[in-house]
Amino acid sequence: MAPFYFGYHNNYLYSFSTVGRKIEWMRANPLVCVQADEVVNPEKWASVIVFGRYEEIPDTPEWRDQRTFAHDLLSQNPIWWEPGYEKTILHGVERPLVPVYFRILVAEISGHRATP
């Protein structure tokens, strides 16, 4: 599974990818979890798991404001688009690099932390 950047706003994680296994699986089962880790060293780390529901933000006029919001939020990180635009072979064919914006409505957050 490829990593992805996300931004958080009003109980949603916003992100972007292109069609591949991650998007296919979330479309098939929108109940998802996202894990984010920060490892400073073996004695200092944090791990957060977010459980929620996948919602695609389609490229249609009624969703234009949400897509613009997602783009603006994500573009605060200068390389936000890199994992999503990685060249990938899907089912023996190079996948199209059409952007898929999505958000995850957060239902539950869990995590662990280690400090020396």
PDB file of N, CA and C in Angstrom:
ATOM      1  N   MET A   1       0.848  -1.166   0.000  1.00  0.00           N
ATOM      2  CA  MET A   1       0.000   0.000   0.000  1.00  0.00           C
ATOM      3  C   MET A   1       0.900   1.237   0.000  1.00  0.00           C
ATOM      4  N   ALA A   2       0.655   2.141  -0.895  1.00  0.00           N
ATOM      5  CA  ALA A   2       1.450   3.359  -0.990  1.00  0.00           C
ATOM      6  C   ALA A   2       1.014   4.369   0.077  1.00  0.00           C
ATOM      7  N   PRO A   3       1.957   5.104   0.601  1.00  0.00           N
ATOM      8  CA  PRO A   3       1.597   6.139   1.580  1.00  0.00           C
ATOM      9  C   PRO A   3       0.867   7.292   0.883  1.00  0.00           C
ATOM     10  N   PHE A   4       0.206   8.122   1.678  1.00  0.00           N
ATOM     11  CA  PHE A   4      -0.419   9.319   1.121  1.00  0.00           C
ATOM     12  C   PHE A   4      -0.384  10.426   2.157  1.00  0.00           C
ATOM     13  N   TYR A   5      -0.285  11.635   1.659  1.00  0.00           N
ATOM     14  CA  TYR A   5      -0.366  12.798   2.533  1.00  0.00           C
ATOM     15  C   TYR A   5      -1.826  13.088   2.828  1.00  0.00           C
ATOM     16  N   PHE A   6      -2.081  13.668   3.985  1.00  0.00           N
ATOM     17  CA  PHE A   6      -3.444  14.063   4.301  1.00  0.00           C
ATOM     18  C   PHE A   6      -3.417  15.338   5.114  1.00  0.00           C
ATOM     19  N   GLY A   7      -4.523  16.042   5.075  1.00  0.00           N
ATOM     20  CA  GLY A   7      -4.749  17.216   5.910  1.00  0.00           C
ATOM     21  C   GLY A   7      -5.988  16.976   6.742  1.00  0.00           C
ATOM     22  N   TYR A   8      -6.046  17.576   7.899  1.00  0.00           N
ATOM     23  CA  TYR A   8      -7.183  17.382   8.794  1.00  0.00           C
ATOM     24  C   TYR A   8      -7.946  18.693   8.941  1.00  0.00           C
ATOM     25  N   HIS A   9      -9.291  18.606   8.841  1.00  0.00           N
ATOM     26  CA  HIS A   9     -10.142  19.783   9.043  1.00  0.00           C
ATOM     27  C   HIS A   9     -11.552  19.314   9.395  1.00  0.00           C
ATOM     28  N   ASN A  10     -12.107  19.863  10.498  1.00  0.00           N
ATOM     29  CA  ASN A  10     -13.497  19.592  10.896  1.00  0.00           C
ATOM     30  C   ASN A  10     -13.870  18.111  10.865  1.00  0.00           C
ATOM     31  N   ASN A  11     -13.066  17.296  11.515  1.00  0.00           N
ATOM     32  CA  ASN A  11     -13.338  15.869  11.670  1.00  0.00           C
ATOM     33  C   ASN A  11     -13.217  15.068  10.370  1.00  0.00           C
ATOM     34  N   TYR A  12     -12.515  15.601   9.381  1.00  0.00           N
ATOM     35  CA  TYR A  12     -12.236  14.889   8.137  1.00  0.00           C
ATOM     36  C   TYR A  12     -10.741  14.859   7.879  1.00  0.00           C
ATOM     37  N   LEU A  13     -10.259  13.732   7.369  1.00  0.00           N
ATOM     38  CA  LEU A  13      -8.933  13.659   6.753  1.00  0.00           C
ATOM     39  C   LEU A  13      -9.158  13.843   5.260  1.00  0.00           C
ATOM     40  N   TYR A  14      -8.467  14.794   4.647  1.00  0.00           N
ATOM     41  CA  TYR A  14      -8.566  15.032   3.208  1.00  0.00           C
ATOM     42  C   TYR A  14      -7.304  14.503   2.544  1.00  0.00           C
ATOM     43  N   SER A  15      -7.475  13.871   1.381  1.00  0.00           N
ATOM     44  CA  SER A  15      -6.315  13.356   0.681  1.00  0.00           C
ATOM     45  C   SER A  15      -6.586  13.253  -0.811  1.00  0.00           C
ATOM     46  N   PHE A  16      -5.621  12.660  -1.504  1.00  0.00           N
ATOM     47  CA  PHE A  16      -5.617  12.605  -2.958  1.00  0.00           C
ATOM     48  C   PHE A  16      -4.814  11.378  -3.373  1.00  0.00           C
ATOM     49  N   SER A  17      -5.221  10.760  -4.450  1.00  0.00           N
ATOM     50  CA  SER A  17      -4.468   9.649  -5.031  1.00  0.00           C
ATOM     51  C   SER A  17      -4.869   9.549  -6.497  1.00  0.00           C
ATOM     52  N   THR A  18      -4.450   8.487  -7.136  1.00  0.00           N
ATOM     53  CA  THR A  18      -4.956   8.135  -8.456  1.00  0.00           C
ATOM     54  C   THR A  18      -5.527   6.721  -8.322  1.00  0.00           C
ATOM     55  N   VAL A  19      -6.291   6.284  -9.313  1.00  0.00           N
ATOM     56  CA  VAL A  19      -6.933   4.976  -9.218  1.00  0.00           C
ATOM     57  C   VAL A  19      -5.867   3.889  -9.137  1.00  0.00           C
ATOM     58  N   GLY A  20      -6.022   3.051  -8.148  1.00  0.00           N
ATOM     59  CA  GLY A  20      -5.133   1.920  -7.895  1.00  0.00           C
ATOM     60  C   GLY A  20      -5.809   1.056  -6.853  1.00  0.00           C
ATOM     61  N   ARG A  21      -5.064   0.148  -6.254  1.00  0.00           N
ATOM     62  CA  ARG A  21      -5.660  -0.758  -5.274  1.00  0.00           C
ATOM     63  C   ARG A  21      -6.274  -0.015  -4.091  1.00  0.00           C
ATOM     64  N   LYS A  22      -5.577   0.985  -3.585  1.00  0.00           N
ATOM     65  CA  LYS A  22      -6.095   1.725  -2.427  1.00  0.00           C
ATOM     66  C   LYS A  22      -7.481   2.294  -2.725  1.00  0.00           C
ATOM     67  N   ILE A  23      -7.624   2.978  -3.843  1.00  0.00           N
ATOM     68  CA  ILE A  23      -8.916   3.573  -4.205  1.00  0.00           C
ATOM     69  C   ILE A  23      -9.939   2.481  -4.501  1.00  0.00           C
ATOM     70  N   GLU A  24      -9.557   1.442  -5.228  1.00  0.00           N
ATOM     71  CA  GLU A  24     -10.495   0.350  -5.518  1.00  0.00           C
ATOM     72  C   GLU A  24     -11.019  -0.282  -4.231  1.00  0.00           C
ATOM     73  N   TRP A  25     -10.125  -0.540  -3.267  1.00  0.00           N
ATOM     74  CA  TRP A  25     -10.542  -1.165  -2.013  1.00  0.00           C
ATOM     75  C   TRP A  25     -11.444  -0.250  -1.200  1.00  0.00           C
ATOM     76  N   MET A  26     -11.113   1.053  -1.164  1.00  0.00           N
ATOM     77  CA  MET A  26     -11.958   1.974  -0.388  1.00  0.00           C
ATOM     78  C   MET A  26     -13.315   2.168  -1.048  1.00  0.00           C
ATOM     79  N   ARG A  27     -13.363   2.130  -2.358  1.00  0.00           N
ATOM     80  CA  ARG A  27     -14.656   2.203  -3.042  1.00  0.00           C
ATOM     81  C   ARG A  27     -15.498   0.970  -2.727  1.00  0.00           C
ATOM     82  N   ALA A  28     -14.858  -0.185  -2.662  1.00  0.00           N
ATOM     83  CA  ALA A  28     -15.579  -1.435  -2.392  1.00  0.00           C
ATOM     84  C   ALA A  28     -16.017  -1.538  -0.932  1.00  0.00           C
ATOM     85  N   ASN A  29     -15.212  -1.027  -0.013  1.00  0.00           N
ATOM     86  CA  ASN A  29     -15.538  -1.063   1.414  1.00  0.00           C
ATOM     87  C   ASN A  29     -15.130   0.274   2.025  1.00  0.00           C
ATOM     88  N   PRO A  30     -16.074   1.201   2.163  1.00  0.00           N
ATOM     89  CA  PRO A  30     -15.734   2.546   2.622  1.00  0.00           C
ATOM     90  C   PRO A  30     -15.383   2.653   4.108  1.00  0.00           C
ATOM     91  N   LEU A  31     -15.524   1.572   4.869  1.00  0.00           N
ATOM     92  CA  LEU A  31     -15.108   1.601   6.277  1.00  0.00           C
ATOM     93  C   LEU A  31     -13.612   1.330   6.317  1.00  0.00           C
ATOM     94  N   VAL A  32     -12.829   2.346   6.637  1.00  0.00           N
ATOM     95  CA  VAL A  32     -11.372   2.283   6.500  1.00  0.00           C
ATOM     96  C   VAL A  32     -10.671   2.683   7.792  1.00  0.00           C
ATOM     97  N   CYS A  33      -9.387   2.405   7.830  1.00  0.00           N
ATOM     98  CA  CYS A  33      -8.548   2.926   8.904  1.00  0.00           C
ATOM     99  C   CYS A  33      -7.273   3.464   8.275  1.00  0.00           C
ATOM    100  N   VAL A  34      -6.721   4.486   8.919  1.00  0.00           N
ATOM    101  CA  VAL A  34      -5.489   5.124   8.475  1.00  0.00           C
ATOM    102  C   VAL A  34      -4.548   5.126   9.668  1.00  0.00           C
ATOM    103  N   GLN A  35      -3.308   4.710   9.433  1.00  0.00           N
ATOM    104  CA  GLN A  35      -2.316   4.732  10.501  1.00  0.00           C
ATOM    105  C   GLN A  35      -1.237   5.725  10.135  1.00  0.00           C
ATOM    106  N   ALA A  36      -0.877   6.577  11.092  1.00  0.00           N
ATOM    107  CA  ALA A  36       0.206   7.533  10.925  1.00  0.00           C
ATOM    108  C   ALA A  36       1.206   7.304  12.048  1.00  0.00           C
ATOM    109  N   ASP A  37       2.487   7.222  11.689  1.00  0.00           N
ATOM    110  CA  ASP A  37       3.542   6.967  12.660  1.00  0.00           C
ATOM    111  C   ASP A  37       4.590   8.065  12.600  1.00  0.00           C
ATOM    112  N   GLU A  38       5.150   8.354  13.750  1.00  0.00           N
ATOM    113  CA  GLU A  38       6.323   9.216  13.840  1.00  0.00           C
ATOM    114  C   GLU A  38       7.332   8.469  14.702  1.00  0.00           C
ATOM    115  N   VAL A  39       8.459   8.125  14.106  1.00  0.00           N
ATOM    116  CA  VAL A  39       9.489   7.398  14.828  1.00  0.00           C
ATOM    117  C   VAL A  39      10.733   8.272  14.903  1.00  0.00           C
ATOM    118  N   VAL A  40      11.067   8.707  16.107  1.00  0.00           N
ATOM    119  CA  VAL A  40      12.280   9.489  16.325  1.00  0.00           C
ATOM    120  C   VAL A  40      13.452   8.541  16.549  1.00  0.00           C
ATOM    121  N   ASN A  41      13.244   7.524  17.380  1.00  0.00           N
ATOM    122  CA  ASN A  41      14.208   6.461  17.629  1.00  0.00           C
ATOM    123  C   ASN A  41      13.443   5.303  18.271  1.00  0.00           C
ATOM    124  N   PRO A  42      14.096   4.171  18.545  1.00  0.00           N
ATOM    125  CA  PRO A  42      13.362   3.027  19.096  1.00  0.00           C
ATOM    126  C   PRO A  42      12.678   3.289  20.442  1.00  0.00           C
ATOM    127  N   GLU A  43      13.085   4.318  21.139  1.00  0.00           N
ATOM    128  CA  GLU A  43      12.488   4.620  22.440  1.00  0.00           C
ATOM    129  C   GLU A  43      11.525   5.799  22.410  1.00  0.00           C
ATOM    130  N   LYS A  44      11.467   6.490  21.286  1.00  0.00           N
ATOM    131  CA  LYS A  44      10.599   7.670  21.181  1.00  0.00           C
ATOM    132  C   LYS A  44       9.830   7.610  19.857  1.00  0.00           C
ATOM    133  N   TRP A  45       8.556   7.287  19.963  1.00  0.00           N
ATOM    134  CA  TRP A  45       7.720   7.174  18.778  1.00  0.00           C
ATOM    135  C   TRP A  45       6.257   7.401  19.161  1.00  0.00           C
ATOM    136  N   ALA A  46       5.448   7.655  18.141  1.00  0.00           N
ATOM    137  CA  ALA A  46       4.003   7.799  18.324  1.00  0.00           C
ATOM    138  C   ALA A  46       3.308   7.159  17.127  1.00  0.00           C
ATOM    139  N   SER A  47       2.169   6.541  17.394  1.00  0.00           N
ATOM    140  CA  SER A  47       1.374   5.902  16.351  1.00  0.00           C
ATOM    141  C   SER A  47      -0.095   6.247  16.592  1.00  0.00           C
ATOM    142  N   VAL A  48      -0.759   6.712  15.559  1.00  0.00           N
ATOM    143  CA  VAL A  48      -2.171   7.075  15.648  1.00  0.00           C
ATOM    144  C   VAL A  48      -2.937   6.291  14.588  1.00  0.00           C
ATOM    145  N   ILE A  49      -4.077   5.740  14.977  1.00  0.00           N
ATOM    146  CA  ILE A  49      -4.941   5.027  14.036  1.00  0.00           C
ATOM    147  C   ILE A  49      -6.294   5.728  14.019  1.00  0.00           C
ATOM    148  N   VAL A  50      -6.750   6.054  12.827  1.00  0.00           N
ATOM    149  CA  VAL A  50      -8.042   6.720  12.629  1.00  0.00           C
ATOM    150  C   VAL A  50      -8.971   5.738  11.916  1.00  0.00           C
ATOM    151  N   PHE A  51     -10.132   5.518  12.484  1.00  0.00           N
ATOM    152  CA  PHE A  51     -11.170   4.709  11.861  1.00  0.00           C
ATOM    153  C   PHE A  51     -12.224   5.663  11.317  1.00  0.00           C
ATOM    154  N   GLY A  52     -12.700   5.386  10.109  1.00  0.00           N
ATOM    155  CA  GLY A  52     -13.699   6.276   9.542  1.00  0.00           C
ATOM    156  C   GLY A  52     -14.310   5.744   8.267  1.00  0.00           C
ATOM    157  N   ARG A  53     -14.994   6.646   7.561  1.00  0.00           N
ATOM    158  CA  ARG A  53     -15.708   6.294   6.330  1.00  0.00           C
ATOM    159  C   ARG A  53     -15.148   7.105   5.165  1.00  0.00           C
ATOM    160  N   TYR A  54     -14.746   6.377   4.121  1.00  0.00           N
ATOM    161  CA  TYR A  54     -14.229   6.956   2.882  1.00  0.00           C
ATOM    162  C   TYR A  54     -15.348   7.647   2.116  1.00  0.00           C
ATOM    163  N   GLU A  55     -15.079   8.856   1.655  1.00  0.00           N
ATOM    164  CA  GLU A  55     -16.010   9.605   0.806  1.00  0.00           C
ATOM    165  C   GLU A  55     -15.219  10.211  -0.339  1.00  0.00           C
ATOM    166  N   GLU A  56     -15.548   9.818  -1.557  1.00  0.00           N
ATOM    167  CA  GLU A  56     -14.873  10.388  -2.717  1.00  0.00           C
ATOM    168  C   GLU A  56     -15.426  11.784  -2.984  1.00  0.00           C
ATOM    169  N   ILE A  57     -14.559  12.664  -3.443  1.00  0.00           N
ATOM    170  CA  ILE A  57     -14.954  14.032  -3.795  1.00  0.00           C
ATOM    171  C   ILE A  57     -14.872  14.122  -5.318  1.00  0.00           C
ATOM    172  N   PRO A  58     -15.981  13.870  -6.006  1.00  0.00           N
ATOM    173  CA  PRO A  58     -15.947  13.774  -7.468  1.00  0.00           C
ATOM    174  C   PRO A  58     -15.692  15.123  -8.143  1.00  0.00           C
ATOM    175  N   ASP A  59     -15.231  15.031  -9.379  1.00  0.00           N
ATOM    176  CA  ASP A  59     -14.967  16.226 -10.182  1.00  0.00           C
ATOM    177  C   ASP A  59     -16.252  16.638 -10.895  1.00  0.00           C
ATOM    178  N   THR A  60     -17.200  17.155 -10.091  1.00  0.00           N
ATOM    179  CA  THR A  60     -18.483  17.613 -10.618  1.00  0.00           C
ATOM    180  C   THR A  60     -18.748  19.013 -10.070  1.00  0.00           C
ATOM    181  N   PRO A  61     -19.616  19.769 -10.736  1.00  0.00           N
ATOM    182  CA  PRO A  61     -19.869  21.138 -10.276  1.00  0.00           C
ATOM    183  C   PRO A  61     -20.326  21.234  -8.815  1.00  0.00           C
ATOM    184  N   GLU A  62     -21.170  20.308  -8.358  1.00  0.00           N
ATOM    185  CA  GLU A  62     -21.670  20.404  -6.982  1.00  0.00           C
ATOM    186  C   GLU A  62     -20.591  20.113  -5.934  1.00  0.00           C
ATOM    187  N   TRP A  63     -19.491  19.471  -6.325  1.00  0.00           N
ATOM    188  CA  TRP A  63     -18.392  19.166  -5.400  1.00  0.00           C
ATOM    189  C   TRP A  63     -17.176  20.068  -5.619  1.00  0.00           C
ATOM    190  N   ARG A  64     -17.277  21.023  -6.528  1.00  0.00           N
ATOM    191  CA  ARG A  64     -16.118  21.855  -6.882  1.00  0.00           C
ATOM    192  C   ARG A  64     -15.521  22.561  -5.665  1.00  0.00           C
ATOM    193  N   ASP A  65     -16.356  23.122  -4.790  1.00  0.00           N
ATOM    194  CA  ASP A  65     -15.833  23.822  -3.606  1.00  0.00           C
ATOM    195  C   ASP A  65     -15.078  22.874  -2.686  1.00  0.00           C
ATOM    196  N   GLN A  66     -15.579  21.645  -2.516  1.00  0.00           N
ATOM    197  CA  GLN A  66     -14.887  20.678  -1.660  1.00  0.00           C
ATOM    198  C   GLN A  66     -13.555  20.241  -2.273  1.00  0.00           C
ATOM    199  N   ARG A  67     -13.517  20.067  -3.593  1.00  0.00           N
ATOM    200  CA  ARG A  67     -12.248  19.706  -4.264  1.00  0.00           C
ATOM    201  C   ARG A  67     -11.246  20.838  -4.138  1.00  0.00           C
ATOM    202  N   THR A  68     -11.710  22.071  -4.311  1.00  0.00           N
ATOM    203  CA  THR A  68     -10.818  23.221  -4.158  1.00  0.00           C
ATOM    204  C   THR A  68     -10.295  23.298  -2.731  1.00  0.00           C
ATOM    205  N   PHE A  69     -11.183  23.091  -1.759  1.00  0.00           N
ATOM    206  CA  PHE A  69     -10.769  23.108  -0.355  1.00  0.00           C
ATOM    207  C   PHE A  69      -9.718  22.021  -0.098  1.00  0.00           C
ATOM    208  N   ALA A  70      -9.970  20.798  -0.582  1.00  0.00           N
ATOM    209  CA  ALA A  70      -9.021  19.698  -0.384  1.00  0.00           C
ATOM    210  C   ALA A  70      -7.677  20.034  -1.021  1.00  0.00           C
ATOM    211  N   HIS A  71      -7.694  20.548  -2.232  1.00  0.00           N
ATOM    212  CA  HIS A  71      -6.455  20.928  -2.918  1.00  0.00           C
ATOM    213  C   HIS A  71      -5.705  21.982  -2.122  1.00  0.00           C
ATOM    214  N   ASP A  72      -6.390  23.017  -1.673  1.00  0.00           N
ATOM    215  CA  ASP A  72      -5.736  24.096  -0.920  1.00  0.00           C
ATOM    216  C   ASP A  72      -5.163  23.591   0.400  1.00  0.00           C
ATOM    217  N   LEU A  73      -5.898  22.729   1.087  1.00  0.00           N
ATOM    218  CA  LEU A  73      -5.421  22.173   2.354  1.00  0.00           C
ATOM    219  C   LEU A  73      -4.186  21.302   2.125  1.00  0.00           C
ATOM    220  N   LEU A  74      -4.240  20.435   1.136  1.00  0.00           N
ATOM    221  CA  LEU A  74      -3.121  19.532   0.866  1.00  0.00           C
ATOM    222  C   LEU A  74      -1.898  20.271   0.343  1.00  0.00           C
ATOM    223  N   SER A  75      -2.106  21.307  -0.438  1.00  0.00           N
ATOM    224  CA  SER A  75      -0.970  22.009  -1.049  1.00  0.00           C
ATOM    225  C   SER A  75      -0.166  22.836  -0.045  1.00  0.00           C
ATOM    226  N   GLN A  76      -0.575  22.831   1.209  1.00  0.00           N
ATOM    227  CA  GLN A  76       0.248  23.461   2.248  1.00  0.00           C
ATOM    228  C   GLN A  76       1.546  22.680   2.461  1.00  0.00           C
ATOM    229  N   ASN A  77       1.564  21.407   2.031  1.00  0.00           N
ATOM    230  CA  ASN A  77       2.778  20.598   2.039  1.00  0.00           C
ATOM    231  C   ASN A  77       3.341  20.641   0.619  1.00  0.00           C
ATOM    232  N   PRO A  78       4.590  21.074   0.436  1.00  0.00           N
ATOM    233  CA  PRO A  78       5.092  21.282  -0.927  1.00  0.00           C
ATOM    234  C   PRO A  78       5.154  20.029  -1.803  1.00  0.00           C
ATOM    235  N   ILE A  79       5.179  18.840  -1.244  1.00  0.00           N
ATOM    236  CA  ILE A  79       5.243  17.624  -2.071  1.00  0.00           C
ATOM    237  C   ILE A  79       4.024  16.731  -1.847  1.00  0.00           C
ATOM    238  N   TRP A  80       2.880  17.345  -1.580  1.00  0.00           N
ATOM    239  CA  TRP A  80       1.648  16.618  -1.258  1.00  0.00           C
ATOM    240  C   TRP A  80       1.216  15.652  -2.343  1.00  0.00           C
ATOM    241  N   TRP A  81       1.526  15.919  -3.572  1.00  0.00           N
ATOM    242  CA  TRP A  81       1.042  15.157  -4.718  1.00  0.00           C
ATOM    243  C   TRP A  81       1.934  13.970  -5.072  1.00  0.00           C
ATOM    244  N   GLU A  82       3.165  13.912  -4.532  1.00  0.00           N
ATOM    245  CA  GLU A  82       4.127  12.900  -4.981  1.00  0.00           C
ATOM    246  C   GLU A  82       3.650  11.456  -4.858  1.00  0.00           C
ATOM    247  N   PRO A  83       3.216  10.976  -3.693  1.00  0.00           N
ATOM    248  CA  PRO A  83       2.821   9.556  -3.654  1.00  0.00           C
ATOM    249  C   PRO A  83       1.672   9.229  -4.600  1.00  0.00           C
ATOM    250  N   GLY A  84       0.738  10.145  -4.780  1.00  0.00           N
ATOM    251  CA  GLY A  84      -0.420   9.894  -5.630  1.00  0.00           C
ATOM    252  C   GLY A  84      -0.118   9.858  -7.108  1.00  0.00           C
ATOM    253  N   TYR A  85       0.932  10.544  -7.538  1.00  0.00           N
ATOM    254  CA  TYR A  85       1.269  10.570  -8.957  1.00  0.00           C
ATOM    255  C   TYR A  85       2.430   9.649  -9.307  1.00  0.00           C
ATOM    256  N   GLU A  86       2.640   8.634  -8.492  1.00  0.00           N
ATOM    257  CA  GLU A  86       3.681   7.661  -8.756  1.00  0.00           C
ATOM    258  C   GLU A  86       3.241   6.753  -9.895  1.00  0.00           C
ATOM    259  N   LYS A  87       4.143   6.480 -10.841  1.00  0.00           N
ATOM    260  CA  LYS A  87       3.814   5.584 -11.954  1.00  0.00           C
ATOM    261  C   LYS A  87       3.572   4.186 -11.395  1.00  0.00           C
ATOM    262  N   THR A  88       2.441   3.606 -11.758  1.00  0.00           N
ATOM    263  CA  THR A  88       2.066   2.290 -11.246  1.00  0.00           C
ATOM    264  C   THR A  88       1.457   1.466 -12.354  1.00  0.00           C
ATOM    265  N   ILE A  89       1.754   0.176 -12.330  1.00  0.00           N
ATOM    266  CA  ILE A  89       1.142  -0.772 -13.254  1.00  0.00           C
ATOM    267  C   ILE A  89      -0.006  -1.444 -12.497  1.00  0.00           C
ATOM    268  N   LEU A  90      -1.218  -1.349 -13.015  1.00  0.00           N
ATOM    269  CA  LEU A  90      -2.406  -1.909 -12.386  1.00  0.00           C
ATOM    270  C   LEU A  90      -3.052  -2.889 -13.358  1.00  0.00           C
ATOM    271  N   HIS A  91      -3.176  -4.141 -12.969  1.00  0.00           N
ATOM    272  CA  HIS A  91      -3.749  -5.199 -13.823  1.00  0.00           C
ATOM    273  C   HIS A  91      -2.997  -5.286 -15.156  1.00  0.00           C
ATOM    274  N   GLY A  92      -1.678  -5.142 -15.108  1.00  0.00           N
ATOM    275  CA  GLY A  92      -0.845  -5.264 -16.292  1.00  0.00           C
ATOM    276  C   GLY A  92      -0.807  -4.044 -17.191  1.00  0.00           C
ATOM    277  N   VAL A  93      -1.471  -2.967 -16.792  1.00  0.00           N
ATOM    278  CA  VAL A  93      -1.537  -1.753 -17.605  1.00  0.00           C
ATOM    279  C   VAL A  93      -1.137  -0.560 -16.739  1.00  0.00           C
ATOM    280  N   GLU A  94      -0.387   0.374 -17.340  1.00  0.00           N
ATOM    281  CA  GLU A  94      -0.036   1.583 -16.595  1.00  0.00           C
ATOM    282  C   GLU A  94      -1.317   2.335 -16.254  1.00  0.00           C
ATOM    283  N   ARG A  95      -1.490   2.639 -14.963  1.00  0.00           N
ATOM    284  CA  ARG A  95      -2.737   3.285 -14.545  1.00  0.00           C
ATOM    285  C   ARG A  95      -2.771   4.738 -15.010  1.00  0.00           C
ATOM    286  N   PRO A  96      -3.959   5.244 -15.286  1.00  0.00           N
ATOM    287  CA  PRO A  96      -4.082   6.652 -15.666  1.00  0.00           C
ATOM    288  C   PRO A  96      -3.828   7.542 -14.443  1.00  0.00           C
ATOM    289  N   LEU A  97      -3.179   8.646 -14.653  1.00  0.00           N
ATOM    290  CA  LEU A  97      -2.858   9.556 -13.558  1.00  0.00           C
ATOM    291  C   LEU A  97      -3.924  10.639 -13.426  1.00  0.00           C
ATOM    292  N   VAL A  98      -5.166  10.202 -13.259  1.00  0.00           N
ATOM    293  CA  VAL A  98      -6.300  11.097 -13.057  1.00  0.00           C
ATOM    294  C   VAL A  98      -6.474  11.283 -11.552  1.00  0.00           C
ATOM    295  N   PRO A  99      -6.484  12.516 -11.058  1.00  0.00           N
ATOM    296  CA  PRO A  99      -6.574  12.729  -9.613  1.00  0.00           C
ATOM    297  C   PRO A  99      -7.915  12.286  -9.029  1.00  0.00           C
ATOM    298  N   VAL A 100      -7.826  11.628  -7.875  1.00  0.00           N
ATOM    299  CA  VAL A 100      -9.000  11.229  -7.106  1.00  0.00           C
ATOM    300  C   VAL A 100      -8.858  11.891  -5.735  1.00  0.00           C
ATOM    301  N   TYR A 101      -9.682  12.899  -5.488  1.00  0.00           N
ATOM    302  CA  TYR A 101      -9.689  13.532  -4.166  1.00  0.00           C
ATOM    303  C   TYR A 101     -10.696  12.789  -3.303  1.00  0.00           C
ATOM    304  N   PHE A 102     -10.348  12.623  -2.029  1.00  0.00           N
ATOM    305  CA  PHE A 102     -11.267  11.949  -1.119  1.00  0.00           C
ATOM    306  C   PHE A 102     -11.080  12.488   0.288  1.00  0.00           C
ATOM    307  N   ARG A 103     -12.036  12.141   1.128  1.00  0.00           N
ATOM    308  CA  ARG A 103     -11.937  12.493   2.530  1.00  0.00           C
ATOM    309  C   ARG A 103     -12.439  11.314   3.349  1.00  0.00           C
ATOM    310  N   ILE A 104     -12.003  11.278   4.587  1.00  0.00           N
ATOM    311  CA  ILE A 104     -12.417  10.227   5.502  1.00  0.00           C
ATOM    312  C   ILE A 104     -13.051  10.893   6.709  1.00  0.00           C
ATOM    313  N   LEU A 105     -14.327  10.607   6.914  1.00  0.00           N
ATOM    314  CA  LEU A 105     -15.040  11.116   8.072  1.00  0.00           C
ATOM    315  C   LEU A 105     -14.567  10.319   9.285  1.00  0.00           C
ATOM    316  N   VAL A 106     -13.939  11.008  10.240  1.00  0.00           N
ATOM    317  CA  VAL A 106     -13.350  10.347  11.400  1.00  0.00           C
ATOM    318  C   VAL A 106     -14.449   9.891  12.357  1.00  0.00           C
ATOM    319  N   ALA A 107     -14.427   8.592  12.687  1.00  0.00           N
ATOM    320  CA  ALA A 107     -15.369   8.027  13.651  1.00  0.00           C
ATOM    321  C   ALA A 107     -14.698   7.765  14.999  1.00  0.00           C
ATOM    322  N   GLU A 108     -13.424   7.382  14.962  1.00  0.00           N
ATOM    323  CA  GLU A 108     -12.704   7.018  16.189  1.00  0.00           C
ATOM    324  C   GLU A 108     -11.208   7.206  15.965  1.00  0.00           C
ATOM    325  N   ILE A 109     -10.514   7.626  17.017  1.00  0.00           N
ATOM    326  CA  ILE A 109      -9.064   7.786  16.971  1.00  0.00           C
ATOM    327  C   ILE A 109      -8.472   7.025  18.139  1.00  0.00           C
ATOM    328  N   SER A 110      -7.404   6.287  17.858  1.00  0.00           N
ATOM    329  CA  SER A 110      -6.691   5.530  18.878  1.00  0.00           C
ATOM    330  C   SER A 110      -5.197   5.709  18.635  1.00  0.00           C
ATOM    331  N   GLY A 111      -4.389   5.410  19.624  1.00  0.00           N
ATOM    332  CA  GLY A 111      -2.963   5.510  19.404  1.00  0.00           C
ATOM    333  C   GLY A 111      -2.140   5.112  20.603  1.00  0.00           C
ATOM    334  N   HIS A 112      -0.828   5.090  20.377  1.00  0.00           N
ATOM    335  CA  HIS A 112       0.146   4.765  21.416  1.00  0.00           C
ATOM    336  C   HIS A 112       1.346   5.678  21.254  1.00  0.00           C
ATOM    337  N   ARG A 113       2.065   5.841  22.360  1.00  0.00           N
ATOM    338  CA  ARG A 113       3.262   6.681  22.337  1.00  0.00           C
ATOM    339  C   ARG A 113       4.291   6.063  23.266  1.00  0.00           C
ATOM    340  N   ALA A 114       5.555   6.141  22.872  1.00  0.00           N
ATOM    341  CA  ALA A 114       6.642   5.717  23.735  1.00  0.00           C
ATOM    342  C   ALA A 114       7.593   6.876  23.918  1.00  0.00           C
ATOM    343  N   THR A 115       7.990   7.111  25.139  1.00  0.00           N
ATOM    344  CA  THR A 115       8.979   8.145  25.435  1.00  0.00           C
ATOM    345  C   THR A 115       9.985   7.558  26.427  1.00  0.00           C
ATOM    346  N   PRO A 116      11.233   7.956  26.309  1.00  0.00           N
ATOM    347  CA  PRO A 116      12.253   7.414  27.232  1.00  0.00           C
ATOM    348  C   PRO A 116      12.036   7.868  28.657  1.00  0.00           C
TER     349      PRO A 116
END
